[in-house]
Amino acid sequence: MNLNAFEFLDNFALMALAAVLYGIILRLEYPREVRRILGGFMFGAGAAVSMMDPLRVAPGVIVDLRSLFIGFSGAFLGPVAMLISLTIGAITRYQIGGIGVVPGIVAMTLAGCSGTLWGHLMRNRSRASLRHLVLLGFMLCAGLLAFLLLPVEIRAKAFVSAAPYAAACYILGALLLGTFVERERFSAMRERRLTNEVNTDPLTGLLNRRGFQRGFDIAQEEIVSENGAAILLVDLDHFKKLNDTHGHDIGDLVLQSVGAILRKAVRQSDLLGRLGGEEFVVYLPNASMADARNIAERIRIGIETSTIASKGKPLPVSASVGGSWSSNGMDLTTGLKLADMELYKAKQAGRNQVHFTPTIKSAA
């Protein structure tokens, strides 16, 4: 088995490319599970490519970095991604053939499970240090136990010639690829955090006006509103008086509490925002008129029955809700305008109530 510098350079370039693609996947505006699945395919492709130019220990027995990529998919993306990359790697190894097929697939499975276990152990840590990455490399070496499944006549040669090289590759590869991946992960997290700060109201944690507009545009593309859609405007009653009487600290506490009440009252697919001051907005995609009214009432009742207190005394907090509903989707500008008109009617009628527009026949 002859080693040369070009083999290490090839592996280094492959690891760097995998890290860059990993960073790109992290930055995609897809749900986390979708990004993990894509990452599983990417690491699986890395495992397959690494088998295209392996070191040959004996006829049908090869050594490469496939276990490193599969282990990393489990370590950084979880068990579903690991199973995807393992499937791709196993299919590729089976097609290559040779007497090392079964040990090769077992080695990948052991490495994938070891990487997934490492990821579980690291779940409460924000970043992996160098010693953590070295530990990952040693754990991936569990795949070398698959050499025991090789025929007796080449088993000793594989352990003497290939095992030390493979172990060194896993440990050094874990350091190199791990450093690349951690850099991309930290950079993507920082970018996502900055984006959240731009689009999020710092007091309530809800979307601000800009973030709500962006979320609404995305929802219009992704969610099919078969039952219609609604927009709710929620405005706290007599909030200025509450602020003047109890102080801005209590006013901020009320706004934070209302944000929490809104989160509990709506569905997972709904969109929440704070437009400013004491005014909140809710977008209800794929909601019938009855659904929208029920959610609006749930919000109103939740605020009215909240247990917000100042100096041990409960505060009387209530909200008026104006809603607009359309049977054919929802235009944000029109929906907000109509909901605001209904909110005004609710205020004029005595506050602490819900008013809805008649059905809108088109989204225009």
Protein backbone atom coordinates (compact mmCIF):
# COMPACT_ATOMS: atom_id res chain seq x y z
CA MET A 1 0.00 0.00 0.00
CA ASN A 2 1.73 3.16 -1.21
CA LEU A 3 0.74 6.55 0.16
CA ASN A 4 1.51 9.89 -1.41
CA ALA A 5 0.79 13.52 -0.65
CA PHE A 6 -1.73 13.84 -3.47
CA GLU A 7 -4.09 11.37 -1.76
CA PHE A 8 -4.12 13.55 1.35
CA LEU A 9 -4.65 16.68 -0.75
CA ASP A 10 -7.59 15.04 -2.53
CA ASN A 11 -9.15 14.12 0.80
CA PHE A 12 -8.49 17.60 2.17
CA ALA A 13 -10.19 19.21 -0.84
CA LEU A 14 -13.16 16.85 -0.56
CA MET A 15 -13.59 17.70 3.13
CA ALA A 16 -13.37 21.44 2.42
CA LEU A 17 -15.98 21.14 -0.33
CA ALA A 18 -18.29 19.17 1.99
CA ALA A 19 -17.97 21.87 4.67
CA VAL A 20 -18.80 24.64 2.18
CA LEU A 21 -21.88 22.74 0.95
CA TYR A 22 -22.87 22.12 4.56
CA GLY A 23 -22.75 25.88 5.18
CA ILE A 24 -24.86 26.57 2.10
CA ILE A 25 -27.48 24.06 3.27
CA LEU A 26 -27.61 25.65 6.73
CA ARG A 27 -28.38 29.03 5.16
CA LEU A 28 -31.29 27.78 3.06
CA GLU A 29 -34.70 29.16 4.02
CA TYR A 30 -36.13 25.67 4.58
CA PRO A 31 -37.42 23.98 7.74
CA ARG A 32 -34.72 22.39 9.88
CA GLU A 33 -35.76 18.83 9.00
CA VAL A 34 -35.54 19.57 5.28
CA ARG A 35 -32.05 21.02 5.73
CA ARG A 36 -31.01 17.91 7.65
CA ILE A 37 -32.27 15.64 4.90
CA LEU A 38 -30.37 17.65 2.29
CA GLY A 39 -27.28 17.45 4.48
CA GLY A 40 -27.68 13.68 4.69
CA PHE A 41 -27.68 13.44 0.90
CA MET A 42 -24.64 15.74 0.73
CA PHE A 43 -22.58 13.72 3.23
CA GLY A 44 -23.72 10.52 1.52
CA ALA A 45 -22.42 11.91 -1.78
CA GLY A 46 -19.12 12.71 -0.04
CA ALA A 47 -18.89 9.11 1.17
CA ALA A 48 -19.60 7.82 -2.35
CA VAL A 49 -17.01 10.12 -3.96
CA SER A 50 -14.37 9.09 -1.41
CA MET A 51 -14.83 5.46 -2.54
CA MET A 52 -14.03 6.34 -6.14
CA ASP A 53 -10.28 6.67 -5.47
CA PRO A 54 -9.53 4.50 -2.41
CA LEU A 55 -6.44 2.78 -1.07
CA ARG A 56 -6.57 -0.94 -1.92
CA VAL A 57 -5.35 -3.15 0.90
CA ALA A 58 -6.14 -6.43 -0.84
CA PRO A 59 -8.32 -7.55 -3.77
CA GLY A 60 -11.82 -6.26 -2.96
CA VAL A 61 -10.70 -4.54 0.27
CA ILE A 62 -10.44 -0.72 0.18
CA VAL A 63 -9.81 2.07 2.69
CA ASP A 64 -11.22 5.60 2.30
CA LEU A 65 -13.03 8.38 4.15
CA ARG A 66 -16.60 7.14 3.69
CA SER A 67 -17.02 6.40 7.41
CA LEU A 68 -15.87 9.93 8.24
CA PHE A 69 -18.63 11.51 6.13
CA ILE A 70 -21.31 9.16 7.42
CA GLY A 71 -20.18 9.68 11.01
CA PHE A 72 -20.33 13.45 10.53
CA SER A 73 -23.86 13.29 9.17
CA GLY A 74 -24.93 11.61 12.40
CA ALA A 75 -22.82 13.90 14.58
CA PHE A 76 -23.99 17.22 13.14
CA LEU A 77 -27.34 16.44 11.52
CA GLY A 78 -28.86 13.59 13.51
CA PRO A 79 -30.03 10.01 12.93
CA VAL A 80 -32.28 10.66 9.91
CA ALA A 81 -29.46 12.33 7.97
CA MET A 82 -27.11 9.54 9.04
CA LEU A 83 -29.46 6.86 7.70
CA ILE A 84 -29.70 8.71 4.38
CA SER A 85 -25.93 9.03 4.02
CA LEU A 86 -25.44 5.43 5.17
CA THR A 87 -27.88 4.19 2.54
CA ILE A 88 -26.03 6.07 -0.20
CA GLY A 89 -22.67 4.78 1.06
CA ALA A 90 -23.89 1.21 1.37
CA ILE A 91 -25.33 1.18 -2.15
CA THR A 92 -22.08 2.58 -3.54
CA ARG A 93 -19.97 0.02 -1.66
CA TYR A 94 -22.20 -2.82 -2.82
CA GLN A 95 -21.83 -1.75 -6.43
CA ILE A 96 -18.03 -1.67 -6.10
CA GLY A 97 -18.16 -5.28 -4.97
CA GLY A 98 -15.39 -7.51 -3.67
CA ILE A 99 -14.94 -9.60 -0.55
CA GLY A 100 -14.94 -6.50 1.62
CA VAL A 101 -18.54 -5.50 0.87
CA VAL A 102 -20.10 -6.75 4.11
CA PRO A 103 -17.27 -5.53 6.38
CA GLY A 104 -17.33 -2.19 4.55
CA ILE A 105 -21.05 -1.68 5.13
CA VAL A 106 -20.70 -2.77 8.76
CA ALA A 107 -17.84 -0.28 9.21
CA MET A 108 -19.99 2.55 7.87
CA THR A 109 -22.86 1.54 10.16
CA LEU A 110 -20.61 1.49 13.24
CA ALA A 111 -19.16 4.89 12.32
CA GLY A 112 -22.61 6.35 11.70
CA CYS A 113 -23.89 5.13 15.06
CA SER A 114 -20.76 6.41 16.81
CA GLY A 115 -21.16 9.84 15.20
CA THR A 116 -24.84 9.97 16.17
CA LEU A 117 -23.92 9.08 19.77
CA TRP A 118 -21.29 11.86 19.80
CA GLY A 119 -23.90 14.32 18.55
CA HIS A 120 -26.25 13.26 21.35
CA LEU A 121 -23.50 13.79 23.94
CA MET A 122 -22.79 17.25 22.49
CA ARG A 123 -26.44 18.37 22.26
CA ASN A 124 -26.12 20.90 25.12
CA ARG A 125 -22.89 22.49 23.87
CA SER A 126 -22.91 25.47 21.52
CA ARG A 127 -19.56 24.64 19.89
CA ALA A 128 -17.24 21.66 19.66
CA SER A 129 -13.67 22.23 20.84
CA LEU A 130 -10.60 20.52 19.38
CA ARG A 131 -10.65 17.87 22.09
CA HIS A 132 -14.28 17.13 21.29
CA LEU A 133 -13.38 16.68 17.62
CA VAL A 134 -10.49 14.38 18.57
CA LEU A 135 -12.96 12.35 20.62
CA LEU A 136 -15.23 12.14 17.57
CA GLY A 137 -12.30 10.84 15.51
CA PHE A 138 -11.56 8.12 18.07
CA MET A 139 -15.24 7.16 18.23
CA LEU A 140 -15.36 6.81 14.43
CA CYS A 141 -12.52 4.30 14.72
CA ALA A 142 -15.14 1.86 16.02
CA GLY A 143 -15.74 1.10 12.35
CA LEU A 144 -12.33 -0.63 12.22
CA LEU A 145 -13.82 -3.51 14.19
CA ALA A 146 -15.43 -4.54 10.91
CA PHE A 147 -11.96 -5.79 9.81
CA LEU A 148 -12.73 -8.82 12.00
CA LEU A 149 -15.28 -9.85 9.37
CA LEU A 150 -12.62 -10.13 6.65
CA PRO A 151 -11.39 -13.56 5.53
CA VAL A 152 -8.70 -14.96 7.83
CA GLU A 153 -6.01 -14.88 5.14
CA ILE A 154 -6.13 -11.08 4.75
CA ARG A 155 -7.42 -10.03 8.17
CA ALA A 156 -3.98 -9.66 9.75
CA LYS A 157 -2.64 -7.73 6.75
CA ALA A 158 -5.63 -5.38 6.88
CA PHE A 159 -5.11 -4.66 10.58
CA VAL A 160 -1.36 -4.13 10.22
CA SER A 161 -1.39 -2.17 6.95
CA ALA A 162 -4.72 -0.41 6.81
CA ALA A 163 -6.00 0.05 10.37
CA PRO A 164 -3.30 2.54 11.50
CA TYR A 165 -3.75 4.60 8.32
CA ALA A 166 -7.54 4.52 8.61
CA ALA A 167 -7.42 5.51 12.30
CA ALA A 168 -5.08 8.40 11.53
CA CYS A 169 -7.37 9.52 8.70
CA TYR A 170 -10.44 9.45 10.95
CA ILE A 171 -8.79 11.41 13.76
CA LEU A 172 -7.05 13.93 11.49
CA GLY A 173 -10.14 14.10 9.26
CA ALA A 174 -12.37 14.73 12.28
CA LEU A 175 -10.12 17.64 13.25
CA LEU A 176 -10.01 19.11 9.73
CA LEU A 177 -13.59 18.51 8.63
CA GLY A 178 -14.84 19.29 12.12
CA THR A 179 -13.04 22.63 12.12
CA PHE A 180 -14.50 23.47 8.69
CA VAL A 181 -18.00 22.39 9.70
CA GLU A 182 -17.91 24.24 13.04
CA ARG A 183 -16.78 27.41 11.29
CA GLU A 184 -19.63 27.18 8.78
CA ARG A 185 -22.15 26.29 11.49
CA PHE A 186 -21.11 29.18 13.73
CA SER A 187 -21.15 31.60 10.78
CA ALA A 188 -24.62 30.45 9.69
CA MET A 189 -25.92 30.72 13.27
CA ARG A 190 -24.56 34.26 13.55
CA GLU A 191 -26.16 35.27 10.25
CA ARG A 192 -29.47 33.72 11.29
CA ARG A 193 -29.30 35.50 14.65
CA LEU A 194 -28.66 38.85 12.96
CA THR A 195 -31.54 38.21 10.59
CA ASN A 196 -33.80 37.39 13.53
CA GLU A 197 -32.77 40.60 15.27
CA VAL A 198 -33.69 42.62 12.17
CA ASN A 199 -37.08 40.90 11.82
CA THR A 200 -38.03 40.43 15.47
CA ASP A 201 -39.52 42.74 18.08
CA PRO A 202 -37.00 42.63 20.97
CA LEU A 203 -39.60 43.08 23.72
CA THR A 204 -42.10 40.33 22.84
CA GLY A 205 -40.03 38.08 20.58
CA LEU A 206 -42.76 38.30 17.93
CA LEU A 207 -42.10 39.43 14.38
CA ASN A 208 -41.86 43.17 13.81
CA ARG A 209 -43.60 44.85 10.87
CA ARG A 210 -40.77 44.03 8.47
CA GLY A 211 -40.51 40.44 9.65
CA PHE A 212 -44.27 39.94 9.45
CA GLN A 213 -44.33 41.21 5.86
CA ARG A 214 -41.51 38.83 4.96
CA GLY A 215 -43.16 35.89 6.75
CA PHE A 216 -46.49 36.69 5.09
CA ASP A 217 -44.89 36.68 1.63
CA ILE A 218 -43.27 33.30 2.32
CA ALA A 219 -46.53 31.87 3.66
CA GLN A 220 -48.36 32.99 0.52
CA GLU A 221 -45.94 30.90 -1.55
CA GLU A 222 -45.82 27.82 0.67
CA ILE A 223 -49.29 27.41 2.22
CA VAL A 224 -52.36 26.58 0.17
CA SER A 225 -55.31 28.30 1.84
CA GLU A 226 -58.06 25.92 0.78
CA ASN A 227 -60.45 27.14 3.49
CA GLY A 228 -59.73 30.84 3.13
CA ALA A 229 -57.50 33.07 5.25
CA ALA A 230 -57.86 35.79 7.86
CA ILE A 231 -55.96 38.71 9.35
CA LEU A 232 -56.58 39.82 12.93
CA LEU A 233 -55.58 43.12 14.51
CA VAL A 234 -55.39 42.93 18.30
CA ASP A 235 -55.24 46.24 20.18
CA LEU A 236 -55.01 46.50 23.97
CA ASP A 237 -57.75 48.62 25.53
CA HIS A 238 -56.74 51.76 27.48
CA PHE A 239 -53.06 50.81 27.30
CA LYS A 240 -51.88 54.44 27.52
CA LYS A 241 -53.77 54.87 30.77
CA LEU A 242 -52.22 51.65 32.12
CA ASN A 243 -48.76 52.91 31.19
CA ASP A 244 -49.33 56.31 32.81
CA THR A 245 -50.76 54.77 35.98
CA HIS A 246 -48.39 51.86 36.58
CA GLY A 247 -45.27 52.84 34.65
CA HIS A 248 -43.57 51.62 31.51
CA ASP A 249 -42.02 48.60 33.24
CA ILE A 250 -45.49 47.22 33.95
CA GLY A 251 -46.57 48.20 30.43
CA ASP A 252 -43.68 46.18 29.01
CA LEU A 253 -44.63 43.23 31.22
CA VAL A 254 -48.19 43.39 29.87
CA LEU A 255 -46.95 43.43 26.27
CA GLN A 256 -44.69 40.43 26.91
CA SER A 257 -47.57 38.55 28.56
CA VAL A 258 -49.87 39.29 25.63
CA GLY A 259 -47.21 37.96 23.25
CA ALA A 260 -47.15 34.70 25.23
CA ILE A 261 -50.96 34.53 25.22
CA LEU A 262 -51.01 34.95 21.43
CA ARG A 263 -48.53 32.10 20.98
CA LYS A 264 -50.73 29.77 23.00
CA ALA A 265 -53.95 30.82 21.25
CA VAL A 266 -52.90 30.31 17.62
CA ARG A 267 -51.94 27.29 15.54
CA GLN A 268 -48.39 26.35 14.59
CA SER A 269 -48.91 27.50 10.99
CA ASP A 270 -50.18 30.96 12.00
CA LEU A 271 -48.05 34.10 11.87
CA LEU A 272 -47.71 36.55 14.77
CA GLY A 273 -46.33 40.08 14.84
CA ARG A 274 -46.26 43.30 16.80
CA LEU A 275 -46.87 46.30 14.58
CA GLY A 276 -45.88 48.78 17.27
CA GLY A 277 -47.12 50.12 20.59
CA GLU A 278 -49.97 47.96 21.86
CA GLU A 279 -51.09 46.68 18.43
CA PHE A 280 -50.53 43.07 17.37
CA VAL A 281 -51.29 41.29 14.11
CA VAL A 282 -52.14 37.66 13.37
CA TYR A 283 -52.28 35.95 9.97
CA LEU A 284 -54.37 32.78 9.82
CA PRO A 285 -53.72 30.86 6.58
CA ASN A 286 -56.00 27.99 5.62
CA ALA A 287 -58.68 29.04 8.13
CA SER A 288 -62.43 29.09 7.68
CA MET A 289 -64.49 32.02 8.94
CA ALA A 290 -65.52 29.90 11.92
CA ASP A 291 -61.89 28.98 12.67
CA ALA A 292 -60.85 32.64 12.49
CA ARG A 293 -63.64 33.75 14.81
CA ASN A 294 -62.80 31.00 17.32
CA ILE A 295 -59.12 31.95 17.38
CA ALA A 296 -59.98 35.65 17.72
CA GLU A 297 -62.27 34.90 20.66
CA ARG A 298 -59.64 32.65 22.21
CA ILE A 299 -57.17 35.54 22.03
CA ARG A 300 -59.65 38.02 23.51
CA ILE A 301 -60.62 35.71 26.37
CA GLY A 302 -57.00 34.77 27.04
CA ILE A 303 -56.05 38.43 27.47
CA GLU A 304 -59.14 39.25 29.55
CA THR A 305 -58.53 36.34 31.95
CA SER A 306 -54.76 36.82 32.20
CA THR A 307 -53.25 37.04 35.68
CA ILE A 308 -50.96 40.01 35.16
CA ALA A 309 -50.37 41.84 38.45
CA SER A 310 -48.74 45.04 39.70
CA LYS A 311 -47.59 45.20 43.34
CA GLY A 312 -49.59 42.08 44.04
CA LYS A 313 -52.81 43.45 42.58
CA PRO A 314 -54.26 42.01 39.32
CA LEU A 315 -54.38 44.41 36.39
CA PRO A 316 -57.57 44.73 34.33
CA VAL A 317 -56.28 44.02 30.83
CA SER A 318 -58.48 43.52 27.78
CA ALA A 319 -58.21 43.79 24.02
CA SER A 320 -60.37 44.58 21.04
CA VAL A 321 -59.99 42.45 17.92
CA GLY A 322 -60.76 43.38 14.33
CA GLY A 323 -60.69 40.69 11.68
CA SER A 324 -60.91 40.36 7.92
CA TRP A 325 -61.53 37.04 6.20
CA SER A 326 -61.26 36.09 2.53
CA SER A 327 -62.39 32.92 0.82
CA ASN A 328 -59.75 33.26 -1.93
CA GLY A 329 -56.50 33.99 -0.12
CA MET A 330 -55.48 37.26 1.45
CA ASP A 331 -53.78 40.44 0.27
CA LEU A 332 -51.93 41.95 3.23
CA THR A 333 -52.61 45.62 2.50
CA THR A 334 -56.31 45.06 1.93
CA GLY A 335 -56.61 42.66 4.85
CA LEU A 336 -54.96 45.08 7.29
CA LYS A 337 -57.12 47.97 6.09
CA LEU A 338 -60.35 46.02 6.54
CA ALA A 339 -59.26 44.55 9.87
CA ASP A 340 -58.42 48.05 11.09
CA MET A 341 -61.93 49.23 10.17
CA GLU A 342 -63.41 46.36 12.19
CA LEU A 343 -61.07 47.11 15.08
CA TYR A 344 -62.39 50.68 15.13
CA LYS A 345 -65.96 49.31 15.26
CA ALA A 346 -65.03 47.06 18.19
CA LYS A 347 -63.59 50.05 20.05
CA GLN A 348 -66.64 52.17 19.30
CA ALA A 349 -68.98 49.41 20.48
CA GLY A 350 -67.46 49.30 23.95
CA ARG A 351 -64.09 47.49 23.53
CA ASN A 352 -63.15 43.95 24.66
CA GLN A 353 -64.95 42.34 21.73
CA VAL A 354 -64.38 40.85 18.28
CA HIS A 355 -65.66 42.33 15.00
CA PHE A 356 -65.25 40.74 11.56
CA THR A 357 -65.75 42.01 8.02
CA PRO A 358 -68.21 40.26 5.75
CA THR A 359 -66.71 37.66 3.43
CA ILE A 360 -64.26 39.04 0.84
CA LYS A 361 -64.92 37.33 -2.48
CA SER A 362 -61.50 37.95 -4.00
CA ALA A 363 -57.96 38.58 -2.80
CA ALA A 364 -57.71 41.84 -4.75
